[in-house]
Amino acid sequence: MKHRYSVSFLLFLFGFFASLSLSAYDFEVGKLYYNITSVSDLTVEVTYRDKTYNGSSLYSGDVVIPNVVKFGNRTFTVVGIGSNAFNNCSALKSVRIGNGVKSIGSNAFFNCRRLTAIDIPSSVEAIYDGAFCNCDGLTSVTIGNACQIIGAEAFRGCSSLMQVRIGNSLREIGNNAFQYCSNLRGINFPSTLQHIGHNAFHNCQRLTSVNLPAGLLTIGNSAFEECLSLSSLSVGRSLQSIGNSAFESCAKITGVRLPSTLKAIGSSAFEGCLRLDDLILPDSLTSIGGSAFENCTSLSTIVIPHSVTSIGSSFMRGCRALKSVVIGDQVTSIGQSSFSGCSRLESVVIGRNVTYIGSFAFDNCNKVTRIELLCETPPAVGYDNFSNLQFTMVDLYIPVNCKSRYKVAFMWEKFAFIYESNEKKTQD
């Protein structure tokens, strides 16, 4: 059925829109300013007063956003808090949000430094970019069950925020959403969550435990970088990718169980996780970035699965506790400085398809006593690859009928003791 409007109401609306040249709002009721978002549905959103918002001179104290608002002879439903509506309202102390509000706009409460708590009702479906950015007095947040998206920088810089409770519909946490929330101690991740954006929890230095849900698919670059107190990390069974530097400098993480769905680990993903001592890479993995486990000084063994095709530079550089390395058959190249400085490394197995080992790959690995190569053609070797290695102290094992090739190949000819796999350990 089509809506019918009286002449007086149409004139009334004409007056609204004519006023836009003079102000940024359509009408005012009870010291709140509103814009009409739909004439046919009679919906409005809360907004700011002036064309160039200047929140410091507007809203203050305790504000209640109603479910409906009456103006003239019409009743409007309040469905949103508009972009910049309370931007820079430094005297705003509290906000009670009506149950009809479906969205909180970009920068809606930006820099509202006296807000201490916010309860977002279950009607809200989206919190947009920067909505509560720099609300550094905010200590707790409760987000209702309808919210599906927390936008980029939504709570960035909320340095007093300690607890976040999230309802059971959230699908995405945007880039930088909780970055620099340095007092954040607890946050629950609902089972519906699929994506965590870049820098989402970067520098949340007091976050101790992260339990990622079973449905999570991606973790963005630097998502948990410099979470210095993070010691407990549980990863869901559907995860497909871990971004660059995702857990870099999380020095207290001890063990990680990676799921069988994981395909990619980004550069520096776990760099500087000093206490990481328990790690199994799944057979689903195809890509490992450079420095992925650099300076993980508690790892003692690593097995690169056959699904991986290359190992990036500085992959496990400086892993001083590492004793054993097994490199899968699909790896074709080992990056520069991959295992440089692994001063306790004793045993290395290199898969059958490796054709190149980068410069300094095993630099200063002077305790190696056994190297087993499964490749029939000697891999090309970069500059200064086995520096400080005592070649007379290492047993080199190679495939059958390949000894003649290794004895004349660059670098490999330096090994005094070369054994084919069917030979007993006897010197030639």
Protein backbone atom coordinates (compact mmCIF):
# COMPACT_ATOMS: atom_id res chain seq x y z
CA MET A 1 0.00 0.00 0.00
CA LYS A 2 1.32 3.43 -0.95
CA HIS A 3 1.77 6.04 1.78
CA ARG A 4 -0.41 9.15 1.59
CA TYR A 5 0.70 12.45 3.08
CA SER A 6 -1.28 15.59 3.89
CA VAL A 7 -0.42 18.89 2.23
CA SER A 8 0.57 20.29 5.59
CA PHE A 9 3.02 17.42 6.16
CA LEU A 10 4.59 17.89 2.71
CA LEU A 11 5.05 21.57 3.44
CA PHE A 12 6.47 20.58 6.78
CA LEU A 13 9.06 18.35 5.07
CA PHE A 14 9.86 21.08 2.55
CA GLY A 15 10.74 23.31 5.48
CA PHE A 16 13.05 20.65 6.83
CA PHE A 17 15.10 20.32 3.67
CA ALA A 18 15.19 24.05 3.07
CA SER A 19 16.78 24.43 6.48
CA LEU A 20 19.74 22.26 5.44
CA SER A 21 21.40 25.33 3.94
CA LEU A 22 21.49 26.80 7.42
CA SER A 23 22.27 23.76 9.62
CA ALA A 24 23.44 20.15 9.58
CA TYR A 25 20.27 18.77 11.17
CA ASP A 26 16.58 18.56 10.34
CA PHE A 27 15.08 19.18 13.75
CA GLU A 28 15.85 19.35 17.47
CA VAL A 29 13.98 17.65 20.31
CA GLY A 30 15.08 17.48 23.94
CA LYS A 31 18.54 18.91 23.27
CA LEU A 32 19.29 16.22 20.67
CA TYR A 33 19.65 16.93 16.96
CA TYR A 34 18.21 14.62 14.30
CA ASN A 35 18.43 13.98 10.57
CA ILE A 36 15.64 12.25 8.70
CA THR A 37 16.98 9.08 7.07
CA SER A 38 13.73 7.87 5.48
CA VAL A 39 10.59 9.87 4.82
CA SER A 40 8.54 6.80 3.95
CA ASP A 41 9.57 4.85 7.04
CA LEU A 42 9.72 7.87 9.33
CA THR A 43 13.23 7.11 10.61
CA VAL A 44 15.92 9.43 11.92
CA GLU A 45 19.47 9.37 13.26
CA VAL A 46 21.12 11.49 15.92
CA THR A 47 23.52 14.05 14.47
CA TYR A 48 25.54 17.15 15.33
CA ARG A 49 24.29 20.73 15.17
CA ASP A 50 26.60 22.77 12.99
CA LYS A 51 27.72 22.18 9.42
CA THR A 52 31.27 21.85 10.68
CA TYR A 53 30.77 19.77 13.82
CA ASN A 54 32.25 21.19 16.98
CA GLY A 55 31.29 18.72 19.67
CA SER A 56 33.10 20.47 22.49
CA SER A 57 30.35 23.10 22.61
CA LEU A 58 27.40 20.70 22.30
CA TYR A 59 26.48 17.45 24.04
CA SER A 60 27.58 17.05 27.67
CA GLY A 61 26.73 15.20 30.85
CA ASP A 62 24.41 12.20 30.61
CA VAL A 63 22.63 11.60 27.29
CA VAL A 64 19.71 9.28 26.60
CA ILE A 65 19.00 8.36 22.98
CA PRO A 66 15.32 7.39 22.80
CA ASN A 67 13.65 4.63 20.80
CA VAL A 68 11.28 7.13 19.17
CA VAL A 69 11.03 10.91 18.96
CA LYS A 70 7.96 13.07 18.29
CA PHE A 71 8.15 16.21 16.24
CA GLY A 72 5.11 18.09 15.03
CA ASN A 73 2.35 15.53 14.55
CA ARG A 74 4.73 12.73 13.52
CA THR A 75 6.56 10.03 15.47
CA PHE A 76 9.98 9.01 14.16
CA THR A 77 11.94 5.86 15.00
CA VAL A 78 15.55 6.53 15.97
CA VAL A 79 17.56 3.99 13.93
CA GLY A 80 21.09 5.37 14.04
CA ILE A 81 23.79 7.51 15.57
CA GLY A 82 25.25 9.44 12.65
CA SER A 83 28.87 9.98 11.71
CA ASN A 84 30.57 12.52 14.00
CA ALA A 85 27.38 12.95 16.03
CA PHE A 86 29.24 13.29 19.35
CA ASN A 87 32.70 13.91 17.93
CA ASN A 88 34.94 15.71 20.44
CA CYS A 89 32.22 16.06 23.07
CA SER A 90 34.77 16.27 25.84
CA ALA A 91 32.13 16.88 28.56
CA LEU A 92 30.01 13.86 27.65
CA LYS A 93 29.89 11.44 30.62
CA SER A 94 27.45 8.70 29.67
CA VAL A 95 25.20 7.59 26.83
CA ARG A 96 22.19 5.30 26.99
CA ILE A 97 21.40 4.03 23.50
CA GLY A 98 17.82 3.20 22.53
CA ASN A 99 16.83 -0.29 21.40
CA GLY A 100 15.89 0.90 17.91
CA VAL A 101 19.39 2.06 16.97
CA LYS A 102 20.90 -0.19 14.26
CA SER A 103 24.19 1.52 13.54
CA ILE A 104 26.80 3.75 15.15
CA GLY A 105 28.44 5.92 12.52
CA SER A 106 32.06 6.71 11.79
CA ASN A 107 33.75 8.79 14.49
CA ALA A 108 30.42 9.07 16.28
CA PHE A 109 32.05 9.31 19.73
CA PHE A 110 35.58 10.15 18.64
CA ASN A 111 37.65 11.68 21.42
CA CYS A 112 34.88 11.59 24.04
CA ARG A 113 37.41 11.24 26.81
CA ARG A 114 35.02 11.25 29.80
CA LEU A 115 32.97 8.27 28.69
CA THR A 116 33.71 5.44 31.12
CA ALA A 117 31.38 2.66 29.96
CA ILE A 118 29.16 1.90 27.00
CA ASP A 119 26.40 -0.69 26.65
CA ILE A 120 25.55 -1.23 22.99
CA PRO A 121 22.07 -2.75 22.65
CA SER A 122 21.23 -5.87 20.67
CA SER A 123 19.58 -3.78 17.97
CA VAL A 124 22.94 -2.40 16.75
CA GLU A 125 24.19 -4.30 13.69
CA ALA A 126 27.34 -2.29 12.90
CA ILE A 127 29.86 -0.10 14.70
CA TYR A 128 31.64 1.89 12.02
CA ASP A 129 35.18 3.22 11.64
CA GLY A 130 36.56 5.24 14.53
CA ALA A 131 33.26 5.20 16.40
CA PHE A 132 34.87 5.28 19.86
CA CYS A 133 38.44 6.06 18.84
CA ASN A 134 40.51 7.84 21.52
CA CYS A 135 37.88 7.45 24.23
CA ASP A 136 40.70 6.96 26.70
CA GLY A 137 38.43 7.06 29.78
CA LEU A 138 36.41 4.07 28.58
CA THR A 139 36.93 1.04 30.85
CA SER A 140 34.30 -1.47 29.73
CA VAL A 141 32.24 -2.18 26.62
CA THR A 142 29.33 -4.55 26.09
CA ILE A 143 28.29 -5.21 22.49
CA GLY A 144 24.88 -6.76 21.83
CA ASN A 145 23.98 -9.89 19.92
CA ALA A 146 23.08 -8.27 16.58
CA CYS A 147 26.41 -6.57 15.87
CA GLN A 148 28.16 -8.12 12.86
CA ILE A 149 30.96 -5.63 12.19
CA ILE A 150 33.33 -3.64 14.36
CA GLY A 151 34.89 -1.13 11.98
CA ALA A 152 38.46 0.05 11.52
CA GLU A 153 39.85 1.98 14.52
CA ALA A 154 36.49 1.66 16.26
CA PHE A 155 38.10 1.51 19.73
CA ARG A 156 41.66 2.47 18.82
CA GLY A 157 43.52 4.30 21.56
CA CYS A 158 41.03 3.44 24.32
CA SER A 159 43.95 3.07 26.71
CA SER A 160 41.84 2.49 29.85
CA LEU A 161 39.64 -0.19 28.29
CA MET A 162 39.96 -3.41 30.32
CA GLN A 163 37.02 -5.63 29.33
CA VAL A 164 35.06 -6.14 26.10
CA ARG A 165 32.03 -8.43 25.91
CA ILE A 166 30.84 -9.26 22.41
CA GLY A 167 27.51 -10.81 21.38
CA ASN A 168 27.09 -13.90 19.23
CA SER A 169 26.72 -12.43 15.71
CA LEU A 170 30.06 -10.70 15.10
CA ARG A 171 31.69 -11.63 11.77
CA GLU A 172 34.50 -9.11 11.37
CA ILE A 173 36.84 -7.03 13.52
CA GLY A 174 38.29 -4.25 11.36
CA ASN A 175 41.82 -2.97 10.95
CA ASN A 176 43.26 -1.26 14.07
CA ALA A 177 39.94 -1.80 15.86
CA PHE A 178 41.48 -2.19 19.35
CA GLN A 179 45.02 -1.02 18.62
CA TYR A 180 46.78 0.60 21.60
CA CYS A 181 44.16 -0.59 24.08
CA SER A 182 47.09 -1.09 26.41
CA ASN A 183 45.02 -2.11 29.46
CA LEU A 184 42.77 -4.61 27.69
CA ARG A 185 42.77 -7.79 29.78
CA GLY A 186 39.88 -9.79 28.43
CA ILE A 187 37.81 -10.18 25.27
CA ASN A 188 35.57 -12.99 24.13
CA PHE A 189 35.47 -14.00 20.47
CA PRO A 190 32.08 -15.40 19.39
CA SER A 191 31.85 -18.52 17.24
CA THR A 192 30.57 -16.42 14.31
CA LEU A 193 33.81 -14.44 13.94
CA GLN A 194 35.53 -15.01 10.56
CA HIS A 195 38.05 -12.19 10.09
CA ILE A 196 40.40 -10.24 12.37
CA GLY A 197 41.87 -7.22 10.58
CA HIS A 198 45.38 -5.78 10.40
CA ASN A 199 46.68 -4.35 13.71
CA ALA A 200 43.35 -5.18 15.34
CA PHE A 201 44.91 -5.81 18.78
CA HIS A 202 48.38 -4.43 18.15
CA ASN A 203 50.06 -3.30 21.37
CA CYS A 204 47.39 -4.62 23.72
CA GLN A 205 50.13 -5.19 26.24
CA ARG A 206 48.05 -6.69 29.08
CA LEU A 207 46.05 -9.17 27.05
CA THR A 208 47.02 -12.55 28.53
CA SER A 209 44.79 -15.08 26.80
CA VAL A 210 43.31 -15.38 23.30
CA ASN A 211 40.85 -18.14 22.41
CA LEU A 212 40.11 -17.84 18.70
CA PRO A 213 36.85 -19.47 17.56
CA ALA A 214 36.45 -22.50 15.33
CA GLY A 215 35.02 -20.47 12.43
CA LEU A 216 37.82 -17.92 12.18
CA LEU A 217 39.36 -17.85 8.68
CA THR A 218 41.98 -15.07 8.66
CA ILE A 219 44.21 -13.20 11.08
CA GLY A 220 45.50 -9.92 9.62
CA ASN A 221 48.97 -8.45 9.57
CA SER A 222 50.25 -7.44 13.04
CA ALA A 223 46.87 -8.38 14.52
CA PHE A 224 48.37 -9.28 17.92
CA GLU A 225 51.86 -7.84 17.51
CA GLU A 226 53.48 -6.65 20.75
CA CYS A 227 50.86 -8.25 22.99
CA LEU A 228 53.66 -8.67 25.49
CA SER A 229 51.62 -10.51 28.17
CA LEU A 230 49.96 -12.97 25.81
CA SER A 231 50.86 -16.46 27.05
CA SER A 232 47.85 -18.60 26.11
CA LEU A 233 46.86 -18.88 22.44
CA SER A 234 44.21 -21.22 21.08
CA VAL A 235 43.59 -21.29 17.32
CA GLY A 236 40.32 -22.53 15.79
CA ARG A 237 40.03 -25.46 13.42
CA SER A 238 39.09 -23.46 10.29
CA LEU A 239 41.94 -20.94 10.16
CA GLN A 240 43.40 -20.48 6.67
CA SER A 241 45.97 -17.69 6.97
CA ILE A 242 48.09 -15.93 9.58
CA GLY A 243 49.25 -12.49 8.44
CA ASN A 244 52.66 -10.86 8.50
CA SER A 245 53.86 -10.13 12.06
CA ALA A 246 50.54 -11.39 13.43
CA PHE A 247 52.10 -12.51 16.74
CA GLU A 248 55.50 -10.83 16.47
CA SER A 249 57.11 -10.06 19.85
CA CYS A 250 54.52 -12.04 21.81
CA ALA A 251 57.40 -13.26 23.94
CA LYS A 252 55.34 -15.29 26.44
CA ILE A 253 53.49 -17.63 24.06
CA THR A 254 54.62 -21.19 24.78
CA GLY A 255 52.75 -23.55 22.45
CA VAL A 256 50.50 -23.26 19.39
CA ARG A 257 48.37 -25.98 17.80
CA LEU A 258 47.90 -24.98 14.17
CA PRO A 259 44.86 -26.49 12.38
CA SER A 260 44.87 -28.77 9.34
CA THR A 261 43.19 -26.02 7.29
CA LEU A 262 46.07 -23.54 7.55
CA LYS A 263 47.58 -22.58 4.18
CA ALA A 264 49.79 -19.55 4.80
CA ILE A 265 51.98 -18.17 7.57
CA GLY A 266 53.14 -14.63 6.84
CA SER A 267 56.53 -13.01 7.22
CA SER A 268 57.61 -12.51 10.85
CA ALA A 269 54.33 -14.06 12.00
CA PHE A 270 55.88 -15.47 15.19
CA GLU A 271 59.19 -13.59 15.19
CA GLY A 272 60.49 -12.95 18.68
CA CYS A 273 58.17 -15.44 20.41
CA LEU A 274 60.96 -16.29 22.80
CA ARG A 275 59.13 -18.97 24.80
CA LEU A 276 57.49 -20.79 21.88
CA ASP A 277 58.68 -24.36 22.37
CA ASP A 278 55.95 -26.56 20.91
CA LEU A 279 55.07 -26.24 17.24
CA ILE A 280 53.75 -28.65 14.60
CA LEU A 281 53.25 -27.30 11.08
CA PRO A 282 50.20 -28.88 9.36
CA ASP A 283 50.33 -30.73 6.03
CA SER A 284 47.91 -28.17 4.54
CA LEU A 285 50.55 -25.43 4.70
CA THR A 286 51.82 -24.15 1.34
CA SER A 287 53.52 -20.85 2.18
CA ILE A 288 55.83 -19.68 4.99
CA GLY A 289 57.11 -16.11 4.90
CA GLY A 290 60.57 -14.82 5.71
CA SER A 291 61.51 -14.52 9.39
CA ALA A 292 58.32 -16.40 10.31
CA PHE A 293 59.99 -17.93 13.38
CA GLU A 294 63.11 -15.79 13.66
CA ASN A 295 64.49 -15.57 17.20
CA CYS A 296 62.09 -18.17 18.59
CA THR A 297 64.85 -19.15 20.95
CA SER A 298 63.02 -22.04 22.69
CA LEU A 299 62.12 -24.13 19.61
CA SER A 300 64.19 -27.33 19.47
CA THR A 301 62.85 -29.01 16.33
CA ILE A 302 61.01 -28.14 13.13
CA VAL A 303 59.52 -30.27 10.35
CA ILE A 304 58.60 -28.46 7.14
CA PRO A 305 55.71 -30.44 5.58
CA HIS A 306 55.83 -31.68 2.00
CA SER A 307 53.10 -29.20 0.98
CA VAL A 308 55.44 -26.19 1.40
CA THR A 309 57.30 -25.09 -1.74
CA SER A 310 59.75 -22.49 -0.43
CA ILE A 311 61.29 -21.23 2.80
CA GLY A 312 61.71 -17.45 3.12
CA SER A 313 64.85 -15.62 4.16
CA SER A 314 65.76 -15.63 7.87
CA PHE A 315 63.02 -18.21 8.43
CA MET A 316 64.43 -19.46 11.76
CA ARG A 317 67.40 -17.19 12.15
CA GLY A 318 68.71 -16.99 15.69
CA CYS A 319 66.76 -20.00 17.02
CA ARG A 320 69.51 -20.93 19.43
CA ALA A 321 67.79 -24.02 20.90
CA LEU A 322 67.07 -25.62 17.52
CA LYS A 323 68.69 -29.06 17.18
CA SER A 324 66.84 -30.78 14.34
CA VAL A 325 65.47 -29.62 10.96
CA VAL A 326 63.54 -31.67 8.40
CA ILE A 327 62.68 -29.95 5.09
CA GLY A 328 59.87 -31.46 2.99
CA ASP A 329 60.10 -32.81 -0.54
CA GLN A 330 58.20 -29.99 -2.31
CA VAL A 331 60.52 -27.24 -1.10
CA THR A 332 62.60 -25.99 -4.03
CA SER A 333 64.56 -23.19 -2.37
CA ILE A 334 65.84 -22.33 1.09
CA GLY A 335 66.08 -18.59 1.64
CA GLN A 336 69.05 -16.50 2.67
CA SER A 337 70.04 -16.78 6.35
CA SER A 338 67.16 -19.21 6.96
CA PHE A 339 68.91 -21.01 9.81
CA SER A 340 71.74 -18.57 10.47
CA GLY A 341 72.84 -18.45 14.09
CA CYS A 342 71.14 -21.73 15.07
CA SER A 343 74.18 -22.49 17.17
CA ARG A 344 72.91 -25.82 18.60
CA LEU A 345 71.71 -27.31 15.33
CA GLU A 346 72.97 -30.87 14.96
CA SER A 347 70.90 -32.62 12.27
CA VAL A 348 69.51 -31.42 8.92
CA VAL A 349 67.38 -33.33 6.40
CA ILE A 350 66.85 -31.61 3.02
CA GLY A 351 64.03 -32.78 0.71
CA ARG A 352 64.45 -34.21 -2.76
CA ASN A 353 63.44 -31.14 -4.81
CA VAL A 354 65.66 -28.44 -3.30
CA THR A 355 67.65 -26.78 -6.07
CA TYR A 356 69.05 -23.74 -4.27
CA ILE A 357 70.21 -22.89 -0.75
CA GLY A 358 70.63 -19.14 -0.21
CA SER A 359 73.65 -17.31 1.14
CA PHE A 360 74.31 -17.66 4.88
CA ALA A 361 71.46 -20.19 5.17
CA PHE A 362 73.44 -22.25 7.73
CA ASP A 363 75.88 -19.55 8.80
CA ASN A 364 77.34 -20.15 12.28
CA CYS A 365 75.69 -23.54 12.67
CA ASN A 366 78.98 -25.00 13.83
CA LYS A 367 77.57 -27.96 15.80
CA VAL A 368 76.03 -29.72 12.82
CA THR A 369 77.23 -33.33 12.66
CA ARG A 370 74.80 -34.85 10.14
CA ILE A 371 73.31 -33.56 6.89
CA GLU A 372 71.05 -35.78 4.79
CA LEU A 373 70.21 -34.67 1.24
CA LEU A 374 67.45 -36.51 -0.62
CA CYS A 375 68.04 -34.61 -3.88
CA GLU A 376 69.99 -36.45 -6.59
CA THR A 377 71.34 -33.24 -8.10
CA PRO A 378 73.50 -31.24 -5.68
CA PRO A 379 71.67 -27.99 -4.81
CA ALA A 380 73.36 -24.74 -5.84
CA VAL A 381 74.70 -22.93 -2.81
CA GLY A 382 74.95 -19.20 -2.16
CA TYR A 383 77.81 -17.25 -0.63
CA ASP A 384 79.30 -18.28 2.72
CA ASN A 385 76.61 -20.84 3.35
CA PHE A 386 78.33 -23.10 5.88
CA SER A 387 80.72 -20.62 7.45
CA ASN A 388 82.40 -21.84 10.65
CA LEU A 389 81.31 -25.42 9.92
CA GLN A 390 83.99 -28.05 10.51
CA PHE A 391 83.58 -30.11 7.35
CA THR A 392 85.69 -32.95 8.73
CA MET A 393 83.23 -33.40 11.60
CA VAL A 394 80.07 -33.72 9.47
CA ASP A 395 78.62 -36.87 7.91
CA LEU A 396 76.92 -36.08 4.59
CA TYR A 397 74.32 -38.59 3.38
CA ILE A 398 73.11 -38.52 -0.25
CA PRO A 399 71.02 -40.73 -2.62
CA VAL A 400 72.46 -43.83 -4.23
CA ASN A 401 74.74 -43.36 -7.27
CA CYS A 402 75.15 -39.61 -6.66
CA LYS A 403 78.51 -39.49 -4.95
CA SER A 404 80.42 -38.57 -8.08
CA ARG A 405 78.25 -35.48 -8.56
CA TYR A 406 78.58 -34.25 -4.98
CA LYS A 407 82.36 -34.75 -4.94
CA VAL A 408 82.78 -32.13 -7.68
CA ALA A 409 79.90 -29.75 -6.80
CA PHE A 410 80.68 -26.33 -5.36
CA MET A 411 80.71 -26.37 -1.56
CA TRP A 412 79.68 -30.03 -1.30
CA GLU A 413 83.16 -31.13 -2.32
CA LYS A 414 84.45 -29.74 0.98
CA PHE A 415 82.78 -32.52 2.99
CA ALA A 416 85.30 -35.23 3.78
CA PHE A 417 82.78 -37.92 4.70
CA ILE A 418 80.10 -38.52 2.04
CA TYR A 419 77.91 -41.61 2.24
CA GLU A 420 75.31 -42.91 -0.17
CA SER A 421 72.15 -44.03 1.58
CA ASN A 422 72.89 -47.74 1.11
CA GLU A 423 76.43 -47.45 2.46
CA LYS A 424 77.70 -48.12 5.92
CA LYS A 425 79.36 -45.27 7.73
CA THR A 426 82.95 -45.80 6.61
CA GLN A 427 85.40 -43.28 5.33
CA ASP A 428 86.31 -43.50 1.63
